[in-house]
Amino acid sequence: ETAVRKKLNIVHLIWNDGHYNMVEFQEKMKYQRASGVDFGPVDFVKYAEAFGAKGIRATSVEELEKALEEGFATEGPVIIDIPIDYRDNEKLGETILPDQFY
């Protein structure tokens, strides 16, 4: 709302997996479970539009390139929603030493 009201030219990328994944995989590593990290199916394109911003969804590299071009050419705030699968974060986390992780 503030970016729309102030007419800010900003492009914001949302790497959307439907979870707070960085928190989720750390909780799973530390506590063997996760709690309160699933925010479900949010339509960030419609969310942006509801506030008067431009919303774009990019589901491929080609779409992302076009979305970035469109976003940088747009007057006012733009949100680009990028669906992503972060399931490999847990595997990556296993390679981190405990004192580096927490």
Protein backbone atom coordinates (compact mmCIF):
# COMPACT_ATOMS: atom_id res chain seq x y z
CA GLU A 1 0.00 0.00 0.00
CA THR A 2 2.78 2.45 0.88
CA ALA A 3 4.67 1.77 -2.35
CA VAL A 4 1.47 2.32 -4.35
CA ARG A 5 0.57 5.48 -2.45
CA LYS A 6 4.09 6.87 -2.87
CA LYS A 7 4.19 5.75 -6.52
CA LEU A 8 7.50 3.96 -5.97
CA ASN A 9 9.11 2.24 -8.92
CA ILE A 10 10.15 -1.00 -7.28
CA VAL A 11 10.19 -4.61 -8.45
CA HIS A 12 9.85 -7.19 -5.68
CA LEU A 13 10.45 -10.91 -6.32
CA ILE A 14 8.64 -13.51 -4.21
CA TRP A 15 10.19 -16.99 -4.34
CA ASN A 16 6.94 -18.74 -3.45
CA ASP A 17 6.86 -22.27 -2.09
CA GLY A 18 3.78 -21.75 0.10
CA HIS A 19 5.89 -22.00 3.26
CA TYR A 20 8.38 -20.08 5.32
CA ASN A 21 10.88 -22.61 4.04
CA MET A 22 14.06 -21.23 5.58
CA VAL A 23 12.37 -21.50 8.97
CA GLU A 24 10.76 -24.85 8.14
CA PHE A 25 13.89 -26.71 7.19
CA GLN A 26 15.82 -25.31 10.15
CA GLU A 27 13.06 -26.40 12.55
CA LYS A 28 13.08 -29.88 11.00
CA MET A 29 16.84 -30.13 11.40
CA LYS A 30 16.83 -28.88 14.98
CA TYR A 31 13.55 -30.31 16.34
CA GLN A 32 12.67 -33.03 13.77
CA ARG A 33 9.39 -31.22 13.07
CA ALA A 34 8.11 -27.88 11.82
CA SER A 35 5.30 -25.76 13.22
CA GLY A 36 3.41 -22.74 11.86
CA VAL A 37 5.37 -22.43 8.63
CA ASP A 38 2.71 -23.27 6.02
CA PHE A 39 0.81 -20.27 4.72
CA GLY A 40 -1.02 -22.18 1.99
CA PRO A 41 -2.04 -21.05 -1.46
CA VAL A 42 -1.71 -17.26 -1.57
CA ASP A 43 -2.30 -15.62 -4.95
CA PHE A 44 0.35 -12.90 -4.77
CA VAL A 45 -0.63 -11.55 -8.20
CA LYS A 46 -4.16 -10.80 -7.00
CA TYR A 47 -2.78 -9.61 -3.65
CA ALA A 48 -0.60 -7.05 -5.46
CA GLU A 49 -3.48 -5.97 -7.67
CA ALA A 50 -5.75 -5.57 -4.63
CA PHE A 51 -3.37 -2.87 -3.38
CA GLY A 52 -3.09 -1.20 -6.79
CA ALA A 53 0.29 -2.67 -7.72
CA LYS A 54 1.08 -4.75 -10.79
CA GLY A 55 1.25 -8.50 -10.17
CA ILE A 56 3.03 -10.93 -12.48
CA ARG A 57 3.58 -14.69 -12.16
CA ALA A 58 6.62 -16.32 -13.77
CA THR A 59 6.76 -20.12 -13.99
CA SER A 60 9.79 -20.51 -16.27
CA VAL A 61 13.10 -18.81 -16.97
CA GLU A 62 11.64 -17.29 -20.13
CA GLU A 63 8.62 -15.95 -18.25
CA LEU A 64 10.89 -14.54 -15.54
CA GLU A 65 12.98 -12.69 -18.12
CA LYS A 66 9.82 -11.18 -19.64
CA ALA A 67 8.39 -10.39 -16.19
CA LEU A 68 11.57 -8.55 -15.18
CA GLU A 69 11.55 -6.54 -18.41
CA GLU A 70 7.89 -5.67 -17.88
CA GLY A 71 8.45 -4.92 -14.21
CA PHE A 72 11.34 -2.52 -14.83
CA ALA A 73 9.31 -0.79 -17.56
CA THR A 74 6.27 -0.32 -15.29
CA GLU A 75 5.55 2.90 -13.41
CA GLY A 76 4.83 2.01 -9.79
CA PRO A 77 5.39 -1.10 -7.71
CA VAL A 78 5.50 -4.58 -9.24
CA ILE A 79 5.42 -7.96 -7.52
CA ILE A 80 6.70 -10.98 -9.43
CA ASP A 81 5.48 -14.28 -7.97
CA ILE A 82 7.85 -17.15 -8.76
CA PRO A 83 6.61 -20.61 -7.72
CA ILE A 84 9.59 -22.64 -6.51
CA ASP A 85 10.32 -25.98 -4.88
CA TYR A 86 12.72 -25.74 -1.94
CA ARG A 87 12.56 -29.38 -0.81
CA ASP A 88 16.30 -29.77 -1.40
CA ASN A 89 17.05 -27.24 1.37
CA GLU A 90 16.94 -30.03 3.95
CA LYS A 91 19.61 -31.97 2.03
CA LEU A 92 21.72 -28.83 1.74
CA GLY A 93 21.27 -28.14 5.45
CA GLU A 94 22.74 -31.53 6.31
CA THR A 95 26.06 -30.37 4.87
CA ILE A 96 26.25 -27.40 7.27
CA LEU A 97 28.17 -27.81 10.49
CA PRO A 98 26.02 -27.30 13.61
CA ASP A 99 27.98 -24.24 14.76
CA GLN A 100 27.48 -22.65 11.33
CA PHE A 101 23.79 -23.51 11.22
CA TYR A 102 22.32 -22.11 14.43
